[in-house]
Amino acid sequence: MTRRIFAANWKMHNGPSDAREFARSFLKLYARRSGRSIYIFPPAASLAVLSEELRDRPDIQVGVQNIHWEDKGAFTGETSASIARDAGARVALVGHSERRHVFGETDEQTALKCAAAVRAGLTPMLCVGELLEEREAGSTEDVVVRQLRAALKDLEPESALSAMIAYEPVWAIGTGRTATPRDASTVHAAIRRELQELLGDKAAKLPILYGGNVNKGNVAELLAADHVDGVLVGGASLEASGWAAIAGTE
């Protein structure tokens, strides 16, 4: 894996006006670089605006934070994968810890959402990770492997190989705590082994990102860890200059 991936999850921040201003500032600060890809996941209401502002920069892709597993229907407040793609999304976050632990998303639903993303031509970025009590019980690997298997089980191998995986220890999200590079490397290695068992040798090219309190101060060290192919960044991605500094990390 030689391509670096930098993904920004804005969560419920940056509406259309702020997204437009962010994009214009970021484009002035961040020059296209070889060997890396940038993904930004804005709120659904900002998808079309951000996609339009970034239309001339194919190295920067826009994603959707959540999708419904049905293609259409009477699901008030939901966004289908096809609607997200029409609005400019090319990637879909699936199974983010907040979707799992705040909104009750199940392993079965992550599988349905991964399949829906693929049907609509979106790349799934599947999030897996353990709670603090699961980590303290020594079950981190069991948890992430279970989540991984469940989400990919209904995908054809070629579709699964087009996905991206993000390991996000729940105990390190928004808490100020960060897994050490060694912690990240250990879990990423377990994910890689499971991917190779499920998908064969081609899985070596499937990127695995780390997410959990990533910021300007720790991103270089995390990226230097074995098996870490990129980062999924939350709060530190909300301001254009800070995100440009992170995305430009060598």
C-alpha atoms as a PDB file:
ATOM      1  CA  MET A   1       0.000   0.000   0.000  1.00  0.00           C
ATOM      2  CA  THR A   2       1.703   3.229  -1.150  1.00  0.00           C
ATOM      3  CA  ARG A   3      -1.215   5.636  -1.518  1.00  0.00           C
ATOM      4  CA  ARG A   4      -1.924   7.755   1.564  1.00  0.00           C
ATOM      5  CA  ILE A   5      -5.556   8.507   2.376  1.00  0.00           C
ATOM      6  CA  PHE A   6      -6.716  11.498   4.391  1.00  0.00           C
ATOM      7  CA  ALA A   7     -10.418  11.537   5.243  1.00  0.00           C
ATOM      8  CA  ALA A   8     -12.304  14.335   7.030  1.00  0.00           C
ATOM      9  CA  ASN A   9     -15.566  13.619   8.837  1.00  0.00           C
ATOM     10  CA  TRP A  10     -17.295  16.921   9.600  1.00  0.00           C
ATOM     11  CA  LYS A  11     -20.139  15.262  11.487  1.00  0.00           C
ATOM     12  CA  MET A  12     -22.881  17.857  12.169  1.00  0.00           C
ATOM     13  CA  HIS A  13     -20.745  20.907  11.308  1.00  0.00           C
ATOM     14  CA  ASN A  14     -20.297  23.186   8.272  1.00  0.00           C
ATOM     15  CA  GLY A  15     -23.562  23.870   6.483  1.00  0.00           C
ATOM     16  CA  PRO A  16     -23.609  24.868   2.797  1.00  0.00           C
ATOM     17  CA  SER A  17     -22.277  28.412   3.297  1.00  0.00           C
ATOM     18  CA  ASP A  18     -19.448  27.284   5.555  1.00  0.00           C
ATOM     19  CA  ALA A  19     -18.682  24.358   3.258  1.00  0.00           C
ATOM     20  CA  ARG A  20     -18.322  26.697   0.287  1.00  0.00           C
ATOM     21  CA  GLU A  21     -15.970  28.985   2.198  1.00  0.00           C
ATOM     22  CA  PHE A  22     -13.990  26.010   3.492  1.00  0.00           C
ATOM     23  CA  ALA A  23     -13.519  24.603  -0.020  1.00  0.00           C
ATOM     24  CA  ARG A  24     -12.314  27.908  -1.450  1.00  0.00           C
ATOM     25  CA  SER A  25      -9.839  28.394   1.390  1.00  0.00           C
ATOM     26  CA  PHE A  26      -8.625  24.786   1.284  1.00  0.00           C
ATOM     27  CA  LEU A  27      -7.986  24.871  -2.455  1.00  0.00           C
ATOM     28  CA  LYS A  28      -5.721  27.894  -1.981  1.00  0.00           C
ATOM     29  CA  LEU A  29      -3.778  26.111   0.752  1.00  0.00           C
ATOM     30  CA  TYR A  30      -3.551  22.566  -0.551  1.00  0.00           C
ATOM     31  CA  ALA A  31      -1.832  21.766  -3.842  1.00  0.00           C
ATOM     32  CA  ARG A  32      -2.419  18.469  -5.619  1.00  0.00           C
ATOM     33  CA  ARG A  33       0.095  15.833  -4.500  1.00  0.00           C
ATOM     34  CA  SER A  34       0.889  12.455  -5.981  1.00  0.00           C
ATOM     35  CA  GLY A  35       0.426   9.300  -3.978  1.00  0.00           C
ATOM     36  CA  ARG A  36      -2.460  10.479  -1.820  1.00  0.00           C
ATOM     37  CA  SER A  37      -6.205  10.955  -1.906  1.00  0.00           C
ATOM     38  CA  ILE A  38      -8.366  13.331   0.095  1.00  0.00           C
ATOM     39  CA  TYR A  39     -11.957  12.593   1.146  1.00  0.00           C
ATOM     40  CA  ILE A  40     -14.319  14.994   2.888  1.00  0.00           C
ATOM     41  CA  PHE A  41     -17.585  13.863   4.473  1.00  0.00           C
ATOM     42  CA  PRO A  42     -19.828  16.918   5.032  1.00  0.00           C
ATOM     43  CA  PRO A  43     -23.385  16.922   6.365  1.00  0.00           C
ATOM     44  CA  ALA A  44     -25.824  15.747   3.685  1.00  0.00           C
ATOM     45  CA  ALA A  45     -27.155  19.287   3.172  1.00  0.00           C
ATOM     46  CA  SER A  46     -23.642  20.436   2.156  1.00  0.00           C
ATOM     47  CA  LEU A  47     -22.887  17.593  -0.255  1.00  0.00           C
ATOM     48  CA  ALA A  48     -23.890  19.302  -3.499  1.00  0.00           C
ATOM     49  CA  VAL A  49     -22.239  22.620  -2.645  1.00  0.00           C
ATOM     50  CA  LEU A  50     -18.942  21.033  -1.635  1.00  0.00           C
ATOM     51  CA  SER A  51     -18.933  18.745  -4.661  1.00  0.00           C
ATOM     52  CA  GLU A  52     -19.478  21.695  -6.993  1.00  0.00           C
ATOM     53  CA  GLU A  53     -16.683  23.716  -5.384  1.00  0.00           C
ATOM     54  CA  LEU A  54     -14.264  20.780  -5.738  1.00  0.00           C
ATOM     55  CA  ARG A  55     -15.339  19.720  -9.235  1.00  0.00           C
ATOM     56  CA  ASP A  56     -11.936  20.565 -10.799  1.00  0.00           C
ATOM     57  CA  ARG A  57      -9.935  18.611  -8.208  1.00  0.00           C
ATOM     58  CA  PRO A  58     -10.438  14.881  -8.746  1.00  0.00           C
ATOM     59  CA  ASP A  59      -7.835  14.196  -6.054  1.00  0.00           C
ATOM     60  CA  ILE A  60     -10.352  15.500  -3.494  1.00  0.00           C
ATOM     61  CA  GLN A  61     -13.523  13.413  -3.291  1.00  0.00           C
ATOM     62  CA  VAL A  62     -16.725  14.121  -1.374  1.00  0.00           C
ATOM     63  CA  GLY A  63     -18.477  11.452   0.680  1.00  0.00           C
ATOM     64  CA  VAL A  64     -21.729  10.999   2.550  1.00  0.00           C
ATOM     65  CA  GLN A  65     -21.725  10.332   6.296  1.00  0.00           C
ATOM     66  CA  ASN A  66     -24.628   7.892   6.301  1.00  0.00           C
ATOM     67  CA  ILE A  67     -26.996   6.169   3.897  1.00  0.00           C
ATOM     68  CA  HIS A  68     -30.155   4.101   4.159  1.00  0.00           C
ATOM     69  CA  TRP A  69     -29.975   0.531   2.920  1.00  0.00           C
ATOM     70  CA  GLU A  70     -33.055   0.828   0.710  1.00  0.00           C
ATOM     71  CA  ASP A  71     -32.744   2.442  -2.711  1.00  0.00           C
ATOM     72  CA  LYS A  72     -35.908   4.529  -2.264  1.00  0.00           C
ATOM     73  CA  GLY A  73     -39.101   4.631  -0.242  1.00  0.00           C
ATOM     74  CA  ALA A  74     -41.048   6.204   2.595  1.00  0.00           C
ATOM     75  CA  PHE A  75     -38.105   6.799   4.943  1.00  0.00           C
ATOM     76  CA  THR A  76     -38.472  10.387   6.111  1.00  0.00           C
ATOM     77  CA  GLY A  77     -35.174  12.048   6.956  1.00  0.00           C
ATOM     78  CA  GLU A  78     -33.008   9.378   5.319  1.00  0.00           C
ATOM     79  CA  THR A  79     -30.657   9.607   2.333  1.00  0.00           C
ATOM     80  CA  SER A  80     -30.289   6.766  -0.147  1.00  0.00           C
ATOM     81  CA  ALA A  81     -26.956   5.894  -1.712  1.00  0.00           C
ATOM     82  CA  SER A  82     -28.238   6.864  -5.164  1.00  0.00           C
ATOM     83  CA  ILE A  83     -29.431  10.279  -3.941  1.00  0.00           C
ATOM     84  CA  ALA A  84     -26.061  10.846  -2.279  1.00  0.00           C
ATOM     85  CA  ARG A  85     -24.258   9.959  -5.494  1.00  0.00           C
ATOM     86  CA  ASP A  86     -26.504  12.299  -7.479  1.00  0.00           C
ATOM     87  CA  ALA A  87     -25.549  15.073  -5.035  1.00  0.00           C
ATOM     88  CA  GLY A  88     -21.845  14.441  -5.656  1.00  0.00           C
ATOM     89  CA  ALA A  89     -20.802  11.763  -3.167  1.00  0.00           C
ATOM     90  CA  ARG A  90     -18.378   9.102  -4.301  1.00  0.00           C
ATOM     91  CA  VAL A  91     -17.769   7.434  -0.932  1.00  0.00           C
ATOM     92  CA  ALA A  92     -20.056   6.475   1.963  1.00  0.00           C
ATOM     93  CA  LEU A  93     -19.138   6.114   5.618  1.00  0.00           C
ATOM     94  CA  VAL A  94     -20.706   2.953   7.008  1.00  0.00           C
ATOM     95  CA  GLY A  95     -20.791   1.825  10.621  1.00  0.00           C
ATOM     96  CA  HIS A  96     -19.256   4.916  12.192  1.00  0.00           C
ATOM     97  CA  SER A  97     -19.126   4.529  15.969  1.00  0.00           C
ATOM     98  CA  GLU A  98     -21.730   7.262  16.456  1.00  0.00           C
ATOM     99  CA  ARG A  99     -24.110   5.483  14.115  1.00  0.00           C
ATOM    100  CA  ARG A 100     -23.536   2.263  16.045  1.00  0.00           C
ATOM    101  CA  HIS A 101     -23.549   3.562  19.623  1.00  0.00           C
ATOM    102  CA  VAL A 102     -25.705   6.708  19.452  1.00  0.00           C
ATOM    103  CA  PHE A 103     -28.242   5.589  16.844  1.00  0.00           C
ATOM    104  CA  GLY A 104     -28.168   1.840  17.458  1.00  0.00           C
ATOM    105  CA  GLU A 105     -26.934   0.687  14.063  1.00  0.00           C
ATOM    106  CA  THR A 106     -26.370  -3.070  14.050  1.00  0.00           C
ATOM    107  CA  ASP A 107     -23.826  -5.260  12.302  1.00  0.00           C
ATOM    108  CA  GLU A 108     -26.637  -6.496  10.075  1.00  0.00           C
ATOM    109  CA  GLN A 109     -27.488  -2.942   9.036  1.00  0.00           C
ATOM    110  CA  THR A 110     -23.859  -2.175   8.195  1.00  0.00           C
ATOM    111  CA  ALA A 111     -23.956  -5.125   5.801  1.00  0.00           C
ATOM    112  CA  LEU A 112     -27.097  -3.778   4.140  1.00  0.00           C
ATOM    113  CA  LYS A 113     -25.555  -0.311   3.852  1.00  0.00           C
ATOM    114  CA  CYS A 114     -22.304  -1.614   2.349  1.00  0.00           C
ATOM    115  CA  ALA A 115     -24.354  -3.475  -0.260  1.00  0.00           C
ATOM    116  CA  ALA A 116     -26.481  -0.391  -0.958  1.00  0.00           C
ATOM    117  CA  ALA A 117     -23.370   1.747  -1.423  1.00  0.00           C
ATOM    118  CA  VAL A 118     -21.915  -0.691  -3.927  1.00  0.00           C
ATOM    119  CA  ARG A 119     -25.206  -0.889  -5.867  1.00  0.00           C
ATOM    120  CA  ALA A 120     -25.179   2.887  -6.270  1.00  0.00           C
ATOM    121  CA  GLY A 121     -21.545   3.078  -7.312  1.00  0.00           C
ATOM    122  CA  LEU A 122     -20.262   4.436  -4.018  1.00  0.00           C
ATOM    123  CA  THR A 123     -17.147   3.150  -2.282  1.00  0.00           C
ATOM    124  CA  PRO A 124     -17.896   2.037   1.278  1.00  0.00           C
ATOM    125  CA  MET A 125     -15.554   3.272   3.995  1.00  0.00           C
ATOM    126  CA  LEU A 126     -16.382   0.787   6.731  1.00  0.00           C
ATOM    127  CA  CYS A 127     -15.687   1.806  10.322  1.00  0.00           C
ATOM    128  CA  VAL A 128     -14.904  -0.783  12.977  1.00  0.00           C
ATOM    129  CA  GLY A 129     -13.784  -0.374  16.576  1.00  0.00           C
ATOM    130  CA  GLU A 130     -14.196  -1.365  20.191  1.00  0.00           C
ATOM    131  CA  LEU A 131     -15.632   0.269  23.294  1.00  0.00           C
ATOM    132  CA  LEU A 132     -13.399   0.938  26.301  1.00  0.00           C
ATOM    133  CA  GLU A 133     -14.887  -1.962  28.248  1.00  0.00           C
ATOM    134  CA  GLU A 134     -14.270  -4.283  25.302  1.00  0.00           C
ATOM    135  CA  ARG A 135     -10.671  -3.154  25.108  1.00  0.00           C
ATOM    136  CA  GLU A 136     -10.150  -3.629  28.832  1.00  0.00           C
ATOM    137  CA  ALA A 137     -11.645  -7.129  28.542  1.00  0.00           C
ATOM    138  CA  GLY A 138      -9.060  -7.997  25.885  1.00  0.00           C
ATOM    139  CA  SER A 139     -11.656  -8.494  23.158  1.00  0.00           C
ATOM    140  CA  THR A 140     -10.566  -5.766  20.718  1.00  0.00           C
ATOM    141  CA  GLU A 141      -9.602  -8.168  17.946  1.00  0.00           C
ATOM    142  CA  ASP A 142     -12.750 -10.251  18.382  1.00  0.00           C
ATOM    143  CA  VAL A 143     -14.918  -7.121  18.105  1.00  0.00           C
ATOM    144  CA  VAL A 144     -13.292  -5.666  14.999  1.00  0.00           C
ATOM    145  CA  VAL A 145     -13.165  -9.035  13.227  1.00  0.00           C
ATOM    146  CA  ARG A 146     -16.857  -9.626  13.983  1.00  0.00           C
ATOM    147  CA  GLN A 147     -17.791  -6.192  12.645  1.00  0.00           C
ATOM    148  CA  LEU A 148     -15.632  -6.672   9.564  1.00  0.00           C
ATOM    149  CA  ARG A 149     -17.037 -10.086   8.691  1.00  0.00           C
ATOM    150  CA  ALA A 150     -20.611  -8.976   9.244  1.00  0.00           C
ATOM    151  CA  ALA A 151     -20.351  -5.900   7.039  1.00  0.00           C
ATOM    152  CA  LEU A 152     -18.622  -7.574   4.089  1.00  0.00           C
ATOM    153  CA  LYS A 153     -20.478 -10.885   4.082  1.00  0.00           C
ATOM    154  CA  ASP A 154     -22.970  -9.975   1.334  1.00  0.00           C
ATOM    155  CA  LEU A 155     -20.471  -8.390  -1.043  1.00  0.00           C
ATOM    156  CA  GLU A 156     -18.860 -10.108  -3.978  1.00  0.00           C
ATOM    157  CA  PRO A 157     -15.063 -10.287  -3.503  1.00  0.00           C
ATOM    158  CA  GLU A 158     -14.358  -7.680  -6.174  1.00  0.00           C
ATOM    159  CA  SER A 159     -16.794  -5.260  -4.538  1.00  0.00           C
ATOM    160  CA  ALA A 160     -15.311  -5.876  -1.101  1.00  0.00           C
ATOM    161  CA  LEU A 161     -11.838  -5.230  -2.482  1.00  0.00           C
ATOM    162  CA  SER A 162     -12.922  -1.753  -3.562  1.00  0.00           C
ATOM    163  CA  ALA A 163     -13.835  -0.792   0.013  1.00  0.00           C
ATOM    164  CA  MET A 164     -11.791   1.059   2.603  1.00  0.00           C
ATOM    165  CA  ILE A 165     -11.614   0.189   6.302  1.00  0.00           C
ATOM    166  CA  ALA A 166     -11.267   2.678   9.152  1.00  0.00           C
ATOM    167  CA  TYR A 167     -10.309   1.477  12.616  1.00  0.00           C
ATOM    168  CA  GLU A 168     -11.720   3.880  15.185  1.00  0.00           C
ATOM    169  CA  PRO A 169     -11.350   2.874  18.834  1.00  0.00           C
ATOM    170  CA  VAL A 170     -14.532   4.297  20.348  1.00  0.00           C
ATOM    171  CA  TRP A 171     -12.729   5.222  23.562  1.00  0.00           C
ATOM    172  CA  ALA A 172     -10.466   7.595  21.615  1.00  0.00           C
ATOM    173  CA  ILE A 173     -13.153   9.556  19.733  1.00  0.00           C
ATOM    174  CA  GLY A 174     -13.814  13.024  21.096  1.00  0.00           C
ATOM    175  CA  THR A 175     -12.185  12.110  24.414  1.00  0.00           C
ATOM    176  CA  GLY A 176      -8.737  13.579  23.943  1.00  0.00           C
ATOM    177  CA  ARG A 177      -7.289  10.070  24.176  1.00  0.00           C
ATOM    178  CA  THR A 178      -5.482   8.487  21.246  1.00  0.00           C
ATOM    179  CA  ALA A 179      -4.366   4.960  20.577  1.00  0.00           C
ATOM    180  CA  THR A 180      -0.598   4.808  20.401  1.00  0.00           C
ATOM    181  CA  PRO A 181       0.956   4.086  17.011  1.00  0.00           C
ATOM    182  CA  ARG A 182       1.760   0.620  18.379  1.00  0.00           C
ATOM    183  CA  ASP A 183      -1.892   0.100  19.393  1.00  0.00           C
ATOM    184  CA  ALA A 184      -3.058   1.171  15.938  1.00  0.00           C
ATOM    185  CA  SER A 185      -0.482  -0.991  14.190  1.00  0.00           C
ATOM    186  CA  THR A 186      -1.476  -4.076  16.194  1.00  0.00           C
ATOM    187  CA  VAL A 187      -5.178  -3.765  15.408  1.00  0.00           C
ATOM    188  CA  HIS A 188      -4.558  -2.843  11.781  1.00  0.00           C
ATOM    189  CA  ALA A 189      -2.415  -5.978  11.421  1.00  0.00           C
ATOM    190  CA  ALA A 190      -5.300  -8.075  12.772  1.00  0.00           C
ATOM    191  CA  ILE A 191      -7.682  -6.436  10.304  1.00  0.00           C
ATOM    192  CA  ARG A 192      -5.245  -7.098   7.462  1.00  0.00           C
ATOM    193  CA  ARG A 193      -4.969 -10.775   8.401  1.00  0.00           C
ATOM    194  CA  GLU A 194      -8.740 -11.127   8.457  1.00  0.00           C
ATOM    195  CA  LEU A 195      -9.112  -9.353   5.110  1.00  0.00           C
ATOM    196  CA  GLN A 196      -6.588 -11.688   3.539  1.00  0.00           C
ATOM    197  CA  GLU A 197      -8.422 -14.679   4.969  1.00  0.00           C
ATOM    198  CA  LEU A 198     -11.716 -13.391   3.568  1.00  0.00           C
ATOM    199  CA  LEU A 199     -10.502 -12.020   0.241  1.00  0.00           C
ATOM    200  CA  GLY A 200      -7.111 -13.527  -0.526  1.00  0.00           C
ATOM    201  CA  ASP A 201      -3.808 -11.876  -1.375  1.00  0.00           C
ATOM    202  CA  LYS A 202      -5.442  -8.986  -3.232  1.00  0.00           C
ATOM    203  CA  ALA A 203      -6.620  -7.691   0.151  1.00  0.00           C
ATOM    204  CA  ALA A 204      -3.080  -6.425   0.753  1.00  0.00           C
ATOM    205  CA  LYS A 205      -4.023  -3.396  -1.362  1.00  0.00           C
ATOM    206  CA  LEU A 206      -7.189  -2.555   0.573  1.00  0.00           C
ATOM    207  CA  PRO A 207      -6.446   0.585   2.647  1.00  0.00           C
ATOM    208  CA  ILE A 208      -6.866   0.623   6.420  1.00  0.00           C
ATOM    209  CA  LEU A 209      -7.195   4.031   8.081  1.00  0.00           C
ATOM    210  CA  TYR A 210      -6.870   5.012  11.724  1.00  0.00           C
ATOM    211  CA  GLY A 211      -9.459   7.334  13.289  1.00  0.00           C
ATOM    212  CA  GLY A 212      -9.602   8.544  16.872  1.00  0.00           C
ATOM    213  CA  ASN A 213      -8.432  11.990  18.010  1.00  0.00           C
ATOM    214  CA  VAL A 214      -6.131  12.450  15.011  1.00  0.00           C
ATOM    215  CA  ASN A 215      -4.657  15.970  14.890  1.00  0.00           C
ATOM    216  CA  LYS A 216      -1.693  17.984  13.594  1.00  0.00           C
ATOM    217  CA  GLY A 217       0.401  16.934  16.553  1.00  0.00           C
ATOM    218  CA  ASN A 218       0.101  13.164  16.152  1.00  0.00           C
ATOM    219  CA  VAL A 219      -0.745  12.499  12.516  1.00  0.00           C
ATOM    220  CA  ALA A 220       2.840  11.997  11.305  1.00  0.00           C
ATOM    221  CA  GLU A 221       3.611   9.486  14.043  1.00  0.00           C
ATOM    222  CA  LEU A 222       0.411   7.558  13.361  1.00  0.00           C
ATOM    223  CA  LEU A 223       1.090   7.447   9.618  1.00  0.00           C
ATOM    224  CA  ALA A 224       4.576   6.111  10.282  1.00  0.00           C
ATOM    225  CA  ALA A 225       3.158   3.077  12.105  1.00  0.00           C
ATOM    226  CA  ASP A 226       3.115  -0.264  10.317  1.00  0.00           C
ATOM    227  CA  HIS A 227      -0.146  -1.137   8.539  1.00  0.00           C
ATOM    228  CA  VAL A 228      -1.578   2.413   8.823  1.00  0.00           C
ATOM    229  CA  ASP A 229      -2.471   3.589   5.305  1.00  0.00           C
ATOM    230  CA  GLY A 230      -4.242   6.816   6.209  1.00  0.00           C
ATOM    231  CA  VAL A 231      -6.337   8.655   8.769  1.00  0.00           C
ATOM    232  CA  LEU A 232      -9.987   9.495   9.401  1.00  0.00           C
ATOM    233  CA  VAL A 233     -10.107  12.875  11.128  1.00  0.00           C
ATOM    234  CA  GLY A 234     -12.960  14.506  13.020  1.00  0.00           C
ATOM    235  CA  GLY A 235     -12.747  17.852  14.810  1.00  0.00           C
ATOM    236  CA  ALA A 236      -9.272  18.688  13.501  1.00  0.00           C
ATOM    237  CA  SER A 237     -10.650  18.725   9.933  1.00  0.00           C
ATOM    238  CA  LEU A 238     -13.245  21.458  10.426  1.00  0.00           C
ATOM    239  CA  GLU A 239     -10.986  24.423   9.715  1.00  0.00           C
ATOM    240  CA  ALA A 240      -9.346  24.764   6.292  1.00  0.00           C
ATOM    241  CA  SER A 241      -5.805  25.653   7.345  1.00  0.00           C
ATOM    242  CA  GLY A 242      -5.644  22.886   9.936  1.00  0.00           C
ATOM    243  CA  TRP A 243      -6.986  20.331   7.484  1.00  0.00           C
ATOM    244  CA  ALA A 244      -4.533  21.482   4.831  1.00  0.00           C
ATOM    245  CA  ALA A 245      -1.676  20.945   7.295  1.00  0.00           C
ATOM    246  CA  ILE A 246      -2.879  17.427   8.110  1.00  0.00           C
ATOM    247  CA  ALA A 247      -3.581  16.511   4.485  1.00  0.00           C
ATOM    248  CA  GLY A 248      -0.115  17.714   3.519  1.00  0.00           C
ATOM    249  CA  THR A 249       1.667  15.489   6.036  1.00  0.00           C
ATOM    250  CA  GLU A 250       4.524  13.524   4.516  1.00  0.00           C
END
